[in-house]
């Protein structure tokens, strides 16, 4: 309760700011909602179609796979052994499987 008494000015400033923002939004903010036109709705996916066409134009030279630098690459992957997945009854008490 002492901290509330010591910080009356800060609390009052916060409350005044919140009330001022509420009143500003209530009286001065316009409520216009713009709906997209049909022309805009038709052109929404154009950038995706253009990107797809550009990606289809990309070609990869098969010579990359026969180059000496590619053939010198070493595979360091390890195989993950098969493990039991989950519990027979996941809602049973832990330790009573």
PDB file of N, CA and C in Angstrom:
ATOM      1  N   UNK A   1       0.817  -1.189   0.000  1.00  0.00           N
ATOM      2  CA  UNK A   1       0.000   0.000   0.000  1.00  0.00           C
ATOM      3  C   UNK A   1       0.867   1.261   0.000  1.00  0.00           C
ATOM      4  N   UNK A   2       2.060   1.166   0.609  1.00  0.00           N
ATOM      5  CA  UNK A   2       2.961   2.325   0.626  1.00  0.00           C
ATOM      6  C   UNK A   2       3.471   2.643  -0.768  1.00  0.00           C
ATOM      7  N   UNK A   3       3.715   1.620  -1.573  1.00  0.00           N
ATOM      8  CA  UNK A   3       4.201   1.873  -2.930  1.00  0.00           C
ATOM      9  C   UNK A   3       3.130   2.574  -3.756  1.00  0.00           C
ATOM     10  N   UNK A   4       1.868   2.281  -3.495  1.00  0.00           N
ATOM     11  CA  UNK A   4       0.789   2.952  -4.204  1.00  0.00           C
ATOM     12  C   UNK A   4       0.757   4.434  -3.841  1.00  0.00           C
ATOM     13  N   UNK A   5       0.942   4.746  -2.575  1.00  0.00           N
ATOM     14  CA  UNK A   5       0.953   6.142  -2.134  1.00  0.00           C
ATOM     15  C   UNK A   5       2.165   6.879  -2.689  1.00  0.00           C
ATOM     16  N   UNK A   6       3.313   6.201  -2.767  1.00  0.00           N
ATOM     17  CA  UNK A   6       4.533   6.838  -3.252  1.00  0.00           C
ATOM     18  C   UNK A   6       4.504   7.086  -4.757  1.00  0.00           C
ATOM     19  N   UNK A   7       3.722   6.313  -5.482  1.00  0.00           N
ATOM     20  CA  UNK A   7       3.699   6.409  -6.945  1.00  0.00           C
ATOM     21  C   UNK A   7       2.373   6.918  -7.465  1.00  0.00           C
ATOM     22  N   UNK A   8       1.722   7.826  -6.739  1.00  0.00           N
ATOM     23  CA  UNK A   8       0.434   8.375  -7.177  1.00  0.00           C
ATOM     24  C   UNK A   8       0.567   9.117  -8.501  1.00  0.00           C
ATOM     25  N   UNK A   9       1.633   9.872  -8.658  1.00  0.00           N
ATOM     26  CA  UNK A   9       1.828  10.649  -9.890  1.00  0.00           C
ATOM     27  C   UNK A   9       1.981   9.753 -11.108  1.00  0.00           C
ATOM     28  N   UNK A  10       2.773   8.701 -10.969  1.00  0.00           N
ATOM     29  CA  UNK A  10       2.975   7.772 -12.082  1.00  0.00           C
ATOM     30  C   UNK A  10       1.683   7.060 -12.432  1.00  0.00           C
ATOM     31  N   UNK A  11       0.960   6.622 -11.417  1.00  0.00           N
ATOM     32  CA  UNK A  11      -0.310   5.936 -11.651  1.00  0.00           C
ATOM     33  C   UNK A  11      -1.317   6.869 -12.301  1.00  0.00           C
ATOM     34  N   UNK A  12      -1.372   8.126 -11.851  1.00  0.00           N
ATOM     35  CA  UNK A  12      -2.289   9.096 -12.448  1.00  0.00           C
ATOM     36  C   UNK A  12      -1.924   9.354 -13.903  1.00  0.00           C
ATOM     37  N   UNK A  13      -0.633   9.456 -14.208  1.00  0.00           N
ATOM     38  CA  UNK A  13      -0.196   9.688 -15.589  1.00  0.00           C
ATOM     39  C   UNK A  13      -0.572   8.525 -16.488  1.00  0.00           C
ATOM     40  N   UNK A  14      -0.441   7.308 -16.004  1.00  0.00           N
ATOM     41  CA  UNK A  14      -0.804   6.131 -16.793  1.00  0.00           C
ATOM     42  C   UNK A  14      -2.299   6.105 -17.049  1.00  0.00           C
ATOM     43  N   UNK A  15      -3.091   6.398 -16.037  1.00  0.00           N
ATOM     44  CA  UNK A  15      -4.553   6.398 -16.193  1.00  0.00           C
ATOM     45  C   UNK A  15      -4.985   7.492 -17.158  1.00  0.00           C
ATOM     46  N   UNK A  16      -4.396   8.691 -17.052  1.00  0.00           N
ATOM     47  CA  UNK A  16      -4.732   9.786 -17.964  1.00  0.00           C
ATOM     48  C   UNK A  16      -4.354   9.418 -19.391  1.00  0.00           C
ATOM     49  N   UNK A  17      -3.207   8.777 -19.576  1.00  0.00           N
ATOM     50  CA  UNK A  17      -2.793   8.365 -20.918  1.00  0.00           C
ATOM     51  C   UNK A  17      -3.769   7.344 -21.502  1.00  0.00           C
ATOM     52  N   UNK A  18      -4.187   6.378 -20.709  1.00  0.00           N
ATOM     53  CA  UNK A  18      -5.132   5.354 -21.195  1.00  0.00           C
ATOM     54  C   UNK A  18      -6.464   5.989 -21.558  1.00  0.00           C
ATOM     55  N   UNK A  19      -6.956   6.888 -20.737  1.00  0.00           N
ATOM     56  CA  UNK A  19      -8.227   7.559 -21.024  1.00  0.00           C
ATOM     57  C   UNK A  19      -8.094   8.417 -22.276  1.00  0.00           C
ATOM     58  N   UNK A  20      -6.962   9.119 -22.424  1.00  0.00           N
ATOM     59  CA  UNK A  20      -6.751   9.951 -23.605  1.00  0.00           C
ATOM     60  C   UNK A  20      -6.711   9.100 -24.876  1.00  0.00           C
ATOM     61  N   UNK A  21      -6.059   7.964 -24.843  1.00  0.00           N
ATOM     62  CA  UNK A  21      -6.022   7.093 -26.020  1.00  0.00           C
ATOM     63  C   UNK A  21      -7.409   6.554 -26.348  1.00  0.00           C
ATOM     64  N   UNK A  22      -8.172   6.202 -25.317  1.00  0.00           N
ATOM     65  CA  UNK A  22      -9.528   5.708 -25.538  1.00  0.00           C
ATOM     66  C   UNK A  22     -10.388   6.789 -26.187  1.00  0.00           C
ATOM     67  N   UNK A  23     -10.305   8.026 -25.664  1.00  0.00           N
ATOM     68  CA  UNK A  23     -11.105   9.117 -26.233  1.00  0.00           C
ATOM     69  C   UNK A  23     -10.663   9.456 -27.649  1.00  0.00           C
ATOM     70  N   UNK A  24      -9.370   9.418 -27.915  1.00  0.00           N
ATOM     71  CA  UNK A  24      -8.882   9.676 -29.269  1.00  0.00           C
ATOM     72  C   UNK A  24      -9.444   8.642 -30.247  1.00  0.00           C
ATOM     73  N   UNK A  25      -9.376   7.361 -29.870  1.00  0.00           N
ATOM     74  CA  UNK A  25      -9.894   6.313 -30.743  1.00  0.00           C
ATOM     75  C   UNK A  25     -11.399   6.412 -30.899  1.00  0.00           C
ATOM     76  N   UNK A  26     -12.081   6.884 -29.888  1.00  0.00           N
ATOM     77  CA  UNK A  26     -13.526   6.982 -29.936  1.00  0.00           C
ATOM     78  C   UNK A  26     -13.988   8.110 -30.847  1.00  0.00           C
ATOM     79  N   UNK A  27     -13.319   9.272 -30.789  1.00  0.00           N
ATOM     80  CA  UNK A  27     -13.808  10.434 -31.512  1.00  0.00           C
ATOM     81  C   UNK A  27     -13.073  10.745 -32.810  1.00  0.00           C
ATOM     82  N   UNK A  28     -11.804  10.456 -32.913  1.00  0.00           N
ATOM     83  CA  UNK A  28     -11.028  10.928 -34.052  1.00  0.00           C
ATOM     84  C   UNK A  28     -10.626   9.846 -35.044  1.00  0.00           C
ATOM     85  N   UNK A  29     -10.697   8.622 -34.685  1.00  0.00           N
ATOM     86  CA  UNK A  29     -10.280   7.562 -35.596  1.00  0.00           C
ATOM     87  C   UNK A  29     -11.404   7.272 -36.578  1.00  0.00           C
ATOM     88  N   UNK A  30     -11.043   7.215 -37.857  1.00  0.00           N
ATOM     89  CA  UNK A  30     -12.069   6.966 -38.878  1.00  0.00           C
ATOM     90  C   UNK A  30     -12.390   5.478 -38.920  1.00  0.00           C
ATOM     91  N   UNK A  31     -13.603   5.188 -39.272  1.00  0.00           N
ATOM     92  CA  UNK A  31     -14.096   3.816 -39.298  1.00  0.00           C
ATOM     93  C   UNK A  31     -14.227   3.298 -40.727  1.00  0.00           C
ATOM     94  N   UNK A  32     -13.458   3.838 -41.656  1.00  0.00           N
ATOM     95  CA  UNK A  32     -13.579   3.406 -43.036  1.00  0.00           C
ATOM     96  C   UNK A  32     -12.899   2.056 -43.221  1.00  0.00           C
ATOM     97  N   UNK A  33     -13.617   1.174 -43.846  1.00  0.00           N
ATOM     98  CA  UNK A  33     -13.089  -0.153 -44.162  1.00  0.00           C
ATOM     99  C   UNK A  33     -13.032  -0.250 -45.673  1.00  0.00           C
ATOM    100  N   UNK A  34     -11.838  -0.464 -46.199  1.00  0.00           N
ATOM    101  CA  UNK A  34     -11.699  -0.556 -47.648  1.00  0.00           C
ATOM    102  C   UNK A  34     -11.764  -2.015 -48.064  1.00  0.00           C
ATOM    103  N   UNK A  35     -12.606  -2.273 -49.032  1.00  0.00           N
ATOM    104  CA  UNK A  35     -12.732  -3.618 -49.581  1.00  0.00           C
ATOM    105  C   UNK A  35     -11.889  -3.713 -50.837  1.00  0.00           C
ATOM    106  N   UNK A  36     -11.219  -4.828 -51.036  1.00  0.00           N
ATOM    107  CA  UNK A  36     -10.403  -4.956 -52.253  1.00  0.00           C
ATOM    108  C   UNK A  36     -11.293  -5.015 -53.489  1.00  0.00           C
ATOM    109  N   UNK A  37     -10.846  -4.357 -54.522  1.00  0.00           N
ATOM    110  CA  UNK A  37     -11.608  -4.380 -55.765  1.00  0.00           C
ATOM    111  C   UNK A  37     -11.393  -5.707 -56.479  1.00  0.00           C
ATOM    112  N   UNK A  38     -12.222  -5.947 -57.477  1.00  0.00           N
ATOM    113  CA  UNK A  38     -12.098  -7.203 -58.227  1.00  0.00           C
ATOM    114  C   UNK A  38     -10.781  -7.272 -58.978  1.00  0.00           C
ATOM    115  N   UNK A  39     -10.294  -6.143 -59.466  1.00  0.00           N
ATOM    116  CA  UNK A  39      -9.021  -6.141 -60.193  1.00  0.00           C
ATOM    117  C   UNK A  39      -7.882  -6.535 -59.261  1.00  0.00           C
ATOM    118  N   UNK A  40      -7.933  -6.059 -58.033  1.00  0.00           N
ATOM    119  CA  UNK A  40      -6.906  -6.417 -57.071  1.00  0.00           C
ATOM    120  C   UNK A  40      -7.028  -7.887 -56.683  1.00  0.00           C
ATOM    121  N   UNK A  41      -8.242  -8.369 -56.544  1.00  0.00           N
ATOM    122  CA  UNK A  41      -8.459  -9.766 -56.171  1.00  0.00           C
ATOM    123  C   UNK A  41      -7.950 -10.706 -57.261  1.00  0.00           C
ATOM    124  N   UNK A  42      -8.041 -10.308 -58.504  1.00  0.00           N
ATOM    125  CA  UNK A  42      -7.572 -11.149 -59.602  1.00  0.00           C
ATOM    126  C   UNK A  42      -6.049 -11.197 -59.614  1.00  0.00           C
ATOM    127  N   UNK A  43      -5.389 -10.097 -59.230  1.00  0.00           N
ATOM    128  CA  UNK A  43      -3.935 -10.030 -59.321  1.00  0.00           C
ATOM    129  C   UNK A  43      -3.229 -10.502 -58.048  1.00  0.00           C
ATOM    130  N   UNK A  44      -3.952 -11.070 -57.107  1.00  0.00           N
ATOM    131  CA  UNK A  44      -3.339 -11.480 -55.844  1.00  0.00           C
ATOM    132  C   UNK A  44      -2.305 -12.585 -56.063  1.00  0.00           C
ATOM    133  N   UNK A  45      -2.585 -13.564 -56.878  1.00  0.00           N
ATOM    134  CA  UNK A  45      -1.685 -14.686 -57.054  1.00  0.00           C
ATOM    135  C   UNK A  45      -0.696 -14.532 -58.190  1.00  0.00           C
ATOM    136  N   UNK A  46      -0.654 -13.365 -58.807  1.00  0.00           N
ATOM    137  CA  UNK A  46       0.238 -13.172 -59.951  1.00  0.00           C
ATOM    138  C   UNK A  46       1.709 -13.319 -59.582  1.00  0.00           C
ATOM    139  N   UNK A  47       2.099 -12.838 -58.400  1.00  0.00           N
ATOM    140  CA  UNK A  47       3.498 -12.946 -58.011  1.00  0.00           C
ATOM    141  C   UNK A  47       3.905 -14.399 -57.791  1.00  0.00           C
ATOM    142  N   UNK A  48       2.985 -15.217 -57.292  1.00  0.00           N
ATOM    143  CA  UNK A  48       3.286 -16.632 -57.082  1.00  0.00           C
ATOM    144  C   UNK A  48       3.443 -17.343 -58.424  1.00  0.00           C
ATOM    145  N   UNK A  49       2.583 -17.020 -59.370  1.00  0.00           N
ATOM    146  CA  UNK A  49       2.661 -17.634 -60.697  1.00  0.00           C
ATOM    147  C   UNK A  49       3.953 -17.216 -61.393  1.00  0.00           C
ATOM    148  N   UNK A  50       4.324 -15.940 -61.251  1.00  0.00           N
ATOM    149  CA  UNK A  50       5.565 -15.464 -61.866  1.00  0.00           C
ATOM    150  C   UNK A  50       6.775 -16.174 -61.258  1.00  0.00           C
ATOM    151  N   UNK A  51       6.778 -16.350 -59.935  1.00  0.00           N
ATOM    152  CA  UNK A  51       7.884 -17.036 -59.279  1.00  0.00           C
ATOM    153  C   UNK A  51       7.957 -18.491 -59.716  1.00  0.00           C
ATOM    154  N   UNK A  52       6.812 -19.139 -59.891  1.00  0.00           N
ATOM    155  CA  UNK A  52       6.788 -20.531 -60.348  1.00  0.00           C
ATOM    156  C   UNK A  52       7.394 -20.650 -61.745  1.00  0.00           C
ATOM    157  N   UNK A  53       7.046 -19.716 -62.611  1.00  0.00           N
ATOM    158  CA  UNK A  53       7.595 -19.742 -63.971  1.00  0.00           C
ATOM    159  C   UNK A  53       9.104 -19.525 -63.955  1.00  0.00           C
ATOM    160  N   UNK A  54       9.579 -18.641 -63.070  1.00  0.00           N
ATOM    161  CA  UNK A  54      11.019 -18.403 -62.970  1.00  0.00           C
ATOM    162  C   UNK A  54      11.737 -19.642 -62.440  1.00  0.00           C
ATOM    163  N   UNK A  55      11.131 -20.344 -61.502  1.00  0.00           N
ATOM    164  CA  UNK A  55      11.759 -21.550 -60.963  1.00  0.00           C
ATOM    165  C   UNK A  55      11.770 -22.683 -61.983  1.00  0.00           C
ATOM    166  N   UNK A  56      10.771 -22.743 -62.840  1.00  0.00           N
ATOM    167  CA  UNK A  56      10.766 -23.781 -63.871  1.00  0.00           C
ATOM    168  C   UNK A  56      11.843 -23.527 -64.913  1.00  0.00           C
ATOM    169  N   UNK A  57      12.252 -22.286 -65.065  1.00  0.00           N
ATOM    170  CA  UNK A  57      13.280 -21.959 -66.051  1.00  0.00           C
ATOM    171  C   UNK A  57      14.681 -22.307 -65.551  1.00  0.00           C
ATOM    172  N   UNK A  58      14.835 -22.595 -64.264  1.00  0.00           N
ATOM    173  CA  UNK A  58      16.149 -22.927 -63.708  1.00  0.00           C
ATOM    174  C   UNK A  58      16.538 -24.337 -64.143  1.00  0.00           C
ATOM    175  N   UNK A  59      17.774 -24.470 -64.610  1.00  0.00           N
ATOM    176  CA  UNK A  59      18.267 -25.791 -64.999  1.00  0.00           C
ATOM    177  C   UNK A  59      19.534 -26.099 -64.208  1.00  0.00           C
ATOM    178  N   UNK A  60      19.769 -27.364 -63.950  1.00  0.00           N
ATOM    179  CA  UNK A  60      20.942 -27.810 -63.211  1.00  0.00           C
ATOM    180  C   UNK A  60      21.786 -28.680 -64.134  1.00  0.00           C
ATOM    181  N   UNK A  61      23.019 -28.313 -64.254  1.00  0.00           N
ATOM    182  CA  UNK A  61      23.920 -29.052 -65.122  1.00  0.00           C
ATOM    183  C   UNK A  61      24.261 -30.386 -64.458  1.00  0.00           C
ATOM    184  N   UNK A  62      24.155 -31.464 -65.199  1.00  0.00           N
ATOM    185  CA  UNK A  62      24.460 -32.792 -64.673  1.00  0.00           C
ATOM    186  C   UNK A  62      25.969 -32.996 -64.500  1.00  0.00           C
ATOM    187  N   UNK A  63      26.772 -32.105 -65.057  1.00  0.00           N
ATOM    188  CA  UNK A  63      28.221 -32.202 -64.910  1.00  0.00           C
ATOM    189  C   UNK A  63      28.659 -31.972 -63.465  1.00  0.00           C
ATOM    190  N   UNK A  64      27.822 -31.348 -62.661  1.00  0.00           N
ATOM    191  CA  UNK A  64      28.155 -31.100 -61.259  1.00  0.00           C
ATOM    192  C   UNK A  64      28.375 -32.422 -60.535  1.00  0.00           C
ATOM    193  N   UNK A  65      27.567 -33.429 -60.844  1.00  0.00           N
ATOM    194  CA  UNK A  65      27.639 -34.696 -60.131  1.00  0.00           C
ATOM    195  C   UNK A  65      28.832 -35.560 -60.552  1.00  0.00           C
ATOM    196  N   UNK A  66      29.468 -35.219 -61.644  1.00  0.00           N
ATOM    197  CA  UNK A  66      30.641 -35.981 -62.058  1.00  0.00           C
ATOM    198  C   UNK A  66      31.938 -35.195 -61.843  1.00  0.00           C
ATOM    199  N   UNK A  67      31.846 -34.028 -61.242  1.00  0.00           N
ATOM    200  CA  UNK A  67      33.049 -33.226 -61.012  1.00  0.00           C
ATOM    201  C   UNK A  67      33.883 -33.841 -59.883  1.00  0.00           C
ATOM    202  N   UNK A  68      35.191 -33.660 -59.896  1.00  0.00           N
ATOM    203  CA  UNK A  68      36.065 -34.238 -58.863  1.00  0.00           C
ATOM    204  C   UNK A  68      35.742 -33.732 -57.454  1.00  0.00           C
ATOM    205  N   UNK A  69      35.363 -32.474 -57.323  1.00  0.00           N
ATOM    206  CA  UNK A  69      35.056 -31.945 -55.990  1.00  0.00           C
ATOM    207  C   UNK A  69      33.798 -32.591 -55.413  1.00  0.00           C
ATOM    208  N   UNK A  70      32.821 -32.901 -56.258  1.00  0.00           N
ATOM    209  CA  UNK A  70      31.618 -33.571 -55.768  1.00  0.00           C
ATOM    210  C   UNK A  70      31.935 -35.015 -55.389  1.00  0.00           C
ATOM    211  N   UNK A  71      32.778 -35.677 -56.167  1.00  0.00           N
ATOM    212  CA  UNK A  71      33.103 -37.076 -55.898  1.00  0.00           C
ATOM    213  C   UNK A  71      33.967 -37.232 -54.655  1.00  0.00           C
ATOM    214  N   UNK A  72      34.649 -36.173 -54.209  1.00  0.00           N
ATOM    215  CA  UNK A  72      35.470 -36.235 -53.008  1.00  0.00           C
ATOM    216  C   UNK A  72      34.668 -36.016 -51.719  1.00  0.00           C
ATOM    217  N   UNK A  73      33.392 -35.668 -51.837  1.00  0.00           N
ATOM    218  CA  UNK A  73      32.557 -35.479 -50.648  1.00  0.00           C
ATOM    219  C   UNK A  73      32.387 -36.806 -49.918  1.00  0.00           C
ATOM    220  N   UNK A  74      32.408 -36.751 -48.572  1.00  0.00           N
ATOM    221  CA  UNK A  74      32.299 -37.956 -47.751  1.00  0.00           C
ATOM    222  C   UNK A  74      31.001 -37.902 -46.962  1.00  0.00           C
ATOM    223  N   UNK A  75      30.300 -39.017 -46.901  1.00  0.00           N
ATOM    224  CA  UNK A  75      29.046 -39.110 -46.157  1.00  0.00           C
ATOM    225  C   UNK A  75      29.349 -39.533 -44.718  1.00  0.00           C
ATOM    226  N   UNK A  76      29.082 -38.660 -43.755  1.00  0.00           N
ATOM    227  CA  UNK A  76      29.328 -38.937 -42.345  1.00  0.00           C
ATOM    228  C   UNK A  76      28.047 -39.294 -41.595  1.00  0.00           C
ATOM    229  N   UNK A  77      26.980 -39.580 -42.292  1.00  0.00           N
ATOM    230  CA  UNK A  77      25.709 -39.857 -41.623  1.00  0.00           C
ATOM    231  C   UNK A  77      25.756 -41.206 -40.906  1.00  0.00           C
ATOM    232  N   UNK A  78      24.999 -41.310 -39.828  1.00  0.00           N
ATOM    233  CA  UNK A  78      24.881 -42.564 -39.085  1.00  0.00           C
ATOM    234  C   UNK A  78      23.438 -43.016 -39.123  1.00  0.00           C
ATOM    235  N   UNK A  79      23.234 -44.298 -39.157  1.00  0.00           N
ATOM    236  CA  UNK A  79      21.887 -44.847 -39.227  1.00  0.00           C
ATOM    237  C   UNK A  79      21.281 -44.875 -37.828  1.00  0.00           C
ATOM    238  N   UNK A  80      20.054 -44.450 -37.720  1.00  0.00           N
ATOM    239  CA  UNK A  80      19.352 -44.444 -36.443  1.00  0.00           C
ATOM    240  C   UNK A  80      18.694 -45.816 -36.261  1.00  0.00           C
ATOM    241  N   UNK A  81      19.008 -46.503 -35.157  1.00  0.00           N
ATOM    242  CA  UNK A  81      18.421 -47.840 -34.968  1.00  0.00           C
ATOM    243  C   UNK A  81      16.922 -47.745 -34.667  1.00  0.00           C
ATOM    244  N   UNK A  82      16.188 -48.804 -34.989  1.00  0.00           N
ATOM    245  CA  UNK A  82      14.753 -48.864 -34.701  1.00  0.00           C
ATOM    246  C   UNK A  82      14.539 -48.889 -33.196  1.00  0.00           C
ATOM    247  N   UNK A  83      13.593 -48.105 -32.719  1.00  0.00           N
ATOM    248  CA  UNK A  83      13.265 -48.057 -31.302  1.00  0.00           C
ATOM    249  C   UNK A  83      11.764 -48.193 -31.134  1.00  0.00           C
ATOM    250  N   UNK A  84      11.377 -48.627 -29.941  1.00  0.00           N
ATOM    251  CA  UNK A  84       9.955 -48.750 -29.656  1.00  0.00           C
ATOM    252  C   UNK A  84       9.350 -47.347 -29.600  1.00  0.00           C
ATOM    253  N   UNK A  85       8.200 -47.187 -30.232  1.00  0.00           N
ATOM    254  CA  UNK A  85       7.562 -45.889 -30.303  1.00  0.00           C
ATOM    255  C   UNK A  85       6.418 -45.840 -29.301  1.00  0.00           C
ATOM    256  N   UNK A  86       6.485 -44.885 -28.381  1.00  0.00           N
ATOM    257  CA  UNK A  86       5.387 -44.640 -27.457  1.00  0.00           C
ATOM    258  C   UNK A  86       5.194 -45.730 -26.425  1.00  0.00           C
ATOM    259  N   UNK A  87       4.092 -45.611 -25.702  1.00  0.00           N
ATOM    260  CA  UNK A  87       3.717 -46.567 -24.668  1.00  0.00           C
ATOM    261  C   UNK A  87       2.471 -47.307 -25.131  1.00  0.00           C
ATOM    262  N   UNK A  88       2.249 -48.529 -24.629  1.00  0.00           N
ATOM    263  CA  UNK A  88       1.035 -49.250 -25.020  1.00  0.00           C
ATOM    264  C   UNK A  88      -0.229 -48.477 -24.621  1.00  0.00           C
ATOM    265  N   UNK A  89      -0.232 -47.915 -23.423  1.00  0.00           N
ATOM    266  CA  UNK A  89      -1.355 -47.115 -22.962  1.00  0.00           C
ATOM    267  C   UNK A  89      -0.794 -45.799 -22.426  1.00  0.00           C
ATOM    268  N   UNK A  90      -0.854 -44.718 -23.192  1.00  0.00           N
ATOM    269  CA  UNK A  90      -0.243 -43.469 -22.755  1.00  0.00           C
ATOM    270  C   UNK A  90      -0.939 -42.832 -21.556  1.00  0.00           C
ATOM    271  N   UNK A  91      -2.161 -43.262 -21.230  1.00  0.00           N
ATOM    272  CA  UNK A  91      -2.890 -42.683 -20.112  1.00  0.00           C
ATOM    273  C   UNK A  91      -2.680 -43.457 -18.816  1.00  0.00           C
ATOM    274  N   UNK A  92      -1.936 -44.549 -18.882  1.00  0.00           N
ATOM    275  CA  UNK A  92      -1.655 -45.357 -17.702  1.00  0.00           C
ATOM    276  C   UNK A  92      -0.643 -44.627 -16.827  1.00  0.00           C
ATOM    277  N   UNK A  93      -0.575 -44.960 -15.541  1.00  0.00           N
ATOM    278  CA  UNK A  93       0.368 -44.349 -14.628  1.00  0.00           C
ATOM    279  C   UNK A  93       1.780 -44.702 -15.061  1.00  0.00           C
ATOM    280  N   UNK A  94       2.700 -43.722 -14.946  1.00  0.00           N
ATOM    281  CA  UNK A  94       4.082 -43.923 -15.364  1.00  0.00           C
ATOM    282  C   UNK A  94       4.711 -45.004 -14.501  1.00  0.00           C
ATOM    283  N   UNK A  95       5.391 -45.957 -15.130  1.00  0.00           N
ATOM    284  CA  UNK A  95       6.016 -47.075 -14.430  1.00  0.00           C
ATOM    285  C   UNK A  95       5.163 -48.326 -14.466  1.00  0.00           C
ATOM    286  N   UNK A  96       3.920 -48.213 -14.879  1.00  0.00           N
ATOM    287  CA  UNK A  96       3.031 -49.379 -14.956  1.00  0.00           C
ATOM    288  C   UNK A  96       2.706 -49.645 -16.426  1.00  0.00           C
ATOM    289  N   UNK A  97       3.698 -50.103 -17.176  1.00  0.00           N
ATOM    290  CA  UNK A  97       3.508 -50.365 -18.612  1.00  0.00           C
ATOM    291  C   UNK A  97       3.188 -51.801 -18.864  1.00  0.00           C
TER     292      UNK A  97
END
